N, C-alpha and C. Protein backbone atom coordinates (compact mmCIF):
# COMPACT_ATOMS: atom_id res chain seq x y z
N MET A 1 80.72 -7.04 40.03
CA MET A 1 79.29 -6.78 40.08
C MET A 1 79.00 -5.77 41.20
N ALA A 2 78.15 -4.81 40.95
CA ALA A 2 77.84 -3.76 41.90
C ALA A 2 76.85 -4.26 42.92
N SER A 3 77.03 -3.79 44.17
CA SER A 3 76.09 -4.17 45.23
C SER A 3 74.80 -3.39 45.06
N PRO A 4 73.70 -3.86 45.68
CA PRO A 4 72.42 -3.14 45.56
C PRO A 4 72.51 -1.70 46.06
N THR A 5 73.32 -1.47 47.09
CA THR A 5 73.46 -0.12 47.64
C THR A 5 74.14 0.80 46.63
N GLU A 6 75.20 0.31 46.01
CA GLU A 6 75.90 1.12 45.01
C GLU A 6 75.00 1.41 43.82
N ASN A 7 74.22 0.42 43.42
CA ASN A 7 73.30 0.59 42.30
C ASN A 7 72.25 1.65 42.63
N TYR A 8 71.71 1.61 43.85
CA TYR A 8 70.70 2.60 44.28
C TYR A 8 71.32 3.99 44.31
N SER A 9 72.52 4.12 44.87
CA SER A 9 73.19 5.41 44.96
C SER A 9 73.44 5.99 43.58
N GLU A 10 73.86 5.14 42.66
CA GLU A 10 74.13 5.59 41.30
C GLU A 10 72.86 6.11 40.64
N LYS A 11 71.75 5.40 40.81
CA LYS A 11 70.48 5.83 40.22
C LYS A 11 70.03 7.16 40.84
N PHE A 12 70.22 7.28 42.17
CA PHE A 12 69.82 8.50 42.87
C PHE A 12 70.63 9.69 42.37
N LEU A 13 71.94 9.50 42.23
CA LEU A 13 72.80 10.59 41.76
C LEU A 13 72.46 10.98 40.33
N LYS A 14 72.15 10.00 39.48
CA LYS A 14 71.79 10.32 38.11
C LYS A 14 70.51 11.15 38.07
N ARG A 15 69.54 10.78 38.91
CA ARG A 15 68.28 11.56 38.96
C ARG A 15 68.54 12.97 39.49
N LEU A 16 69.37 13.04 40.53
CA LEU A 16 69.66 14.33 41.15
C LEU A 16 70.44 15.24 40.20
N ALA A 17 71.35 14.69 39.44
CA ALA A 17 72.18 15.47 38.53
C ALA A 17 71.34 16.13 37.45
N GLY A 18 70.27 15.53 37.03
CA GLY A 18 69.43 16.09 35.99
C GLY A 18 68.47 17.14 36.48
N ARG A 19 68.38 17.35 37.78
CA ARG A 19 67.41 18.30 38.33
C ARG A 19 68.09 19.62 38.66
N THR A 20 67.55 20.67 38.11
CA THR A 20 68.11 22.00 38.40
C THR A 20 67.32 22.71 39.49
N ASP A 21 66.16 22.18 39.85
CA ASP A 21 65.36 22.87 40.86
C ASP A 21 66.04 22.87 42.22
N LEU A 22 66.83 21.85 42.52
CA LEU A 22 67.55 21.82 43.79
C LEU A 22 68.61 22.92 43.80
N ASP A 23 69.34 23.03 42.71
CA ASP A 23 70.35 24.08 42.60
C ASP A 23 69.70 25.46 42.66
N ASP A 24 68.58 25.62 41.98
CA ASP A 24 67.85 26.90 42.01
C ASP A 24 67.37 27.23 43.42
N ALA A 25 66.90 26.23 44.13
CA ALA A 25 66.42 26.44 45.50
C ALA A 25 67.56 26.85 46.41
N LEU A 26 68.73 26.23 46.24
CA LEU A 26 69.89 26.61 47.06
C LEU A 26 70.35 28.04 46.75
N LYS A 27 70.31 28.43 45.49
CA LYS A 27 70.67 29.80 45.12
C LYS A 27 69.69 30.80 45.72
N LYS A 28 68.41 30.47 45.68
CA LYS A 28 67.39 31.36 46.25
C LYS A 28 67.56 31.46 47.77
N LEU A 29 67.86 30.32 48.41
CA LEU A 29 68.09 30.34 49.86
C LEU A 29 69.29 31.21 50.20
N ASP A 30 70.36 31.10 49.41
CA ASP A 30 71.54 31.93 49.64
C ASP A 30 71.20 33.41 49.48
N LYS A 31 70.43 33.73 48.44
CA LYS A 31 70.04 35.12 48.20
C LYS A 31 69.18 35.66 49.35
N LEU A 32 68.24 34.86 49.82
CA LEU A 32 67.38 35.28 50.94
C LEU A 32 68.18 35.45 52.22
N THR A 33 69.15 34.57 52.44
CA THR A 33 70.00 34.65 53.63
C THR A 33 70.81 35.94 53.61
N GLN A 34 71.35 36.28 52.44
CA GLN A 34 72.11 37.54 52.32
C GLN A 34 71.21 38.75 52.54
N GLU A 35 70.00 38.70 52.01
CA GLU A 35 69.07 39.81 52.20
C GLU A 35 68.69 39.96 53.68
N GLU A 36 68.48 38.85 54.35
CA GLU A 36 68.16 38.89 55.77
C GLU A 36 69.31 39.49 56.57
N ALA A 37 70.53 39.14 56.21
CA ALA A 37 71.70 39.69 56.90
C ALA A 37 71.77 41.20 56.70
N ARG A 38 71.52 41.67 55.48
CA ARG A 38 71.53 43.12 55.22
C ARG A 38 70.45 43.83 56.03
N MET A 39 69.28 43.22 56.13
CA MET A 39 68.20 43.83 56.90
C MET A 39 68.55 43.90 58.38
N ALA A 40 69.18 42.85 58.89
CA ALA A 40 69.58 42.84 60.30
C ALA A 40 70.63 43.92 60.56
N ILE A 41 71.56 44.10 59.63
CA ILE A 41 72.58 45.14 59.77
C ILE A 41 71.92 46.52 59.78
N ALA A 42 70.95 46.73 58.90
CA ALA A 42 70.26 48.02 58.84
C ALA A 42 69.51 48.30 60.15
N GLN A 43 68.88 47.29 60.71
CA GLN A 43 68.16 47.47 61.98
C GLN A 43 69.14 47.77 63.11
N ASN A 44 70.29 47.11 63.11
CA ASN A 44 71.30 47.37 64.14
C ASN A 44 71.83 48.79 64.04
N ARG A 45 72.06 49.24 62.81
CA ARG A 45 72.55 50.61 62.63
C ARG A 45 71.53 51.63 63.14
N LYS A 46 70.25 51.38 62.87
CA LYS A 46 69.20 52.29 63.33
C LYS A 46 69.16 52.31 64.86
N ALA A 47 69.27 51.15 65.49
CA ALA A 47 69.26 51.08 66.95
C ALA A 47 70.46 51.81 67.53
N ILE A 48 71.62 51.63 66.91
CA ILE A 48 72.83 52.31 67.40
C ILE A 48 72.68 53.82 67.26
N GLN A 49 72.10 54.27 66.17
CA GLN A 49 71.89 55.71 65.97
C GLN A 49 70.97 56.26 67.05
N ASN A 50 69.90 55.52 67.39
CA ASN A 50 68.99 55.97 68.45
C ASN A 50 69.71 56.06 69.78
N VAL A 51 70.54 55.08 70.10
CA VAL A 51 71.30 55.12 71.36
C VAL A 51 72.25 56.30 71.35
N ASP A 52 72.92 56.53 70.23
CA ASP A 52 73.85 57.64 70.11
C ASP A 52 73.13 58.97 70.35
N ASP A 53 71.95 59.13 69.75
CA ASP A 53 71.18 60.36 69.94
C ASP A 53 70.79 60.55 71.40
N ARG A 54 70.40 59.47 72.06
CA ARG A 54 70.01 59.56 73.47
C ARG A 54 71.20 59.92 74.36
N VAL A 55 72.36 59.34 74.06
CA VAL A 55 73.57 59.65 74.84
C VAL A 55 73.94 61.12 74.68
N ARG A 56 73.82 61.62 73.46
CA ARG A 56 74.10 63.04 73.24
C ARG A 56 73.13 63.92 74.04
N GLY A 57 71.87 63.51 74.12
CA GLY A 57 70.89 64.25 74.91
C GLY A 57 71.23 64.25 76.39
N VAL A 58 71.67 63.10 76.89
CA VAL A 58 72.08 63.02 78.30
C VAL A 58 73.30 63.89 78.53
N GLY A 59 74.24 63.87 77.59
CA GLY A 59 75.44 64.70 77.72
C GLY A 59 75.09 66.18 77.79
N ALA A 60 74.13 66.61 76.99
CA ALA A 60 73.71 68.02 77.02
C ALA A 60 73.09 68.37 78.37
N LYS A 61 72.30 67.45 78.92
CA LYS A 61 71.68 67.70 80.23
C LYS A 61 72.74 67.77 81.33
N VAL A 62 73.74 66.90 81.25
CA VAL A 62 74.83 66.92 82.24
C VAL A 62 75.58 68.24 82.16
N ASN A 63 75.84 68.70 80.96
CA ASN A 63 76.52 70.00 80.80
C ASN A 63 75.68 71.12 81.38
N SER A 64 74.38 71.04 81.19
CA SER A 64 73.48 72.06 81.72
C SER A 64 73.51 72.06 83.25
N VAL A 65 73.49 70.88 83.84
CA VAL A 65 73.55 70.77 85.31
C VAL A 65 74.89 71.30 85.81
N GLY A 66 75.96 70.97 85.06
CA GLY A 66 77.29 71.46 85.45
C GLY A 66 77.34 72.97 85.46
N SER A 67 76.69 73.59 84.48
CA SER A 67 76.65 75.06 84.43
C SER A 67 75.90 75.61 85.63
N GLY A 68 74.80 74.95 85.99
CA GLY A 68 74.02 75.38 87.15
C GLY A 68 74.82 75.28 88.44
N VAL A 69 75.60 74.22 88.58
CA VAL A 69 76.44 74.05 89.77
C VAL A 69 77.49 75.15 89.83
N LYS A 70 78.06 75.50 88.68
CA LYS A 70 79.05 76.59 88.66
C LYS A 70 78.42 77.90 89.10
N GLU A 71 77.19 78.16 88.66
CA GLU A 71 76.50 79.39 89.05
C GLU A 71 76.27 79.43 90.56
N VAL A 72 75.83 78.32 91.12
CA VAL A 72 75.61 78.25 92.57
C VAL A 72 76.93 78.46 93.30
N ASN A 73 77.99 77.82 92.80
CA ASN A 73 79.30 77.97 93.43
C ASN A 73 79.75 79.43 93.40
N ASN A 74 79.53 80.10 92.28
CA ASN A 74 79.91 81.51 92.19
C ASN A 74 79.11 82.37 93.17
N LYS A 75 77.81 82.09 93.30
CA LYS A 75 76.98 82.87 94.22
C LYS A 75 77.41 82.63 95.66
N VAL A 76 77.74 81.40 96.02
CA VAL A 76 78.19 81.09 97.38
C VAL A 76 79.51 81.80 97.65
N THR A 77 80.40 81.79 96.64
CA THR A 77 81.69 82.46 96.80
C THR A 77 81.49 83.95 97.01
N VAL A 78 80.60 84.56 96.26
CA VAL A 78 80.32 86.00 96.41
C VAL A 78 79.72 86.25 97.79
N LEU A 79 78.81 85.39 98.21
CA LEU A 79 78.19 85.56 99.51
C LEU A 79 79.21 85.47 100.63
N ILE A 80 80.07 84.46 100.53
CA ILE A 80 81.10 84.29 101.58
C ILE A 80 82.07 85.46 101.56
N ASP A 81 82.52 85.84 100.38
CA ASP A 81 83.49 86.95 100.27
C ASP A 81 82.86 88.27 100.70
N GLY A 82 81.59 88.44 100.39
CA GLY A 82 80.93 89.70 100.71
C GLY A 82 80.66 89.87 102.21
N THR A 83 80.47 88.78 102.95
CA THR A 83 80.16 88.89 104.37
C THR A 83 81.33 88.51 105.25
N SER A 84 82.40 88.05 104.61
CA SER A 84 83.58 87.60 105.37
C SER A 84 83.23 86.54 106.39
N THR A 85 82.23 85.74 106.09
CA THR A 85 81.83 84.65 106.99
C THR A 85 82.57 83.40 106.59
N VAL A 86 83.09 82.71 107.58
CA VAL A 86 83.76 81.44 107.31
C VAL A 86 82.90 80.33 107.88
N PHE A 87 82.59 79.38 107.03
CA PHE A 87 81.79 78.21 107.45
C PHE A 87 82.73 77.08 107.79
N SER A 88 82.46 76.43 108.87
CA SER A 88 83.28 75.26 109.22
C SER A 88 82.40 74.03 109.19
N CYS A 89 82.97 72.94 108.81
CA CYS A 89 82.22 71.70 108.72
C CYS A 89 82.59 70.77 109.85
């Protein structure tokens, strides 16, 4: 003879087995979860692209400053060579 708990579980499972809305809800949740993951990946890619663009901009500015330093160095060298002045530190 089945215990009351086993009888209740059996009735519950029989009711649950006949319902497709639970399965449909789980499929929809899975689909929404996958869509959310794709959206998060797209947002991350956009953020990474923005950072990459900014780093390239900083790199261009550093190169520009480096060129300016070279120009100053060349002018100082010409000045020193032209006057034969030696600076001591």
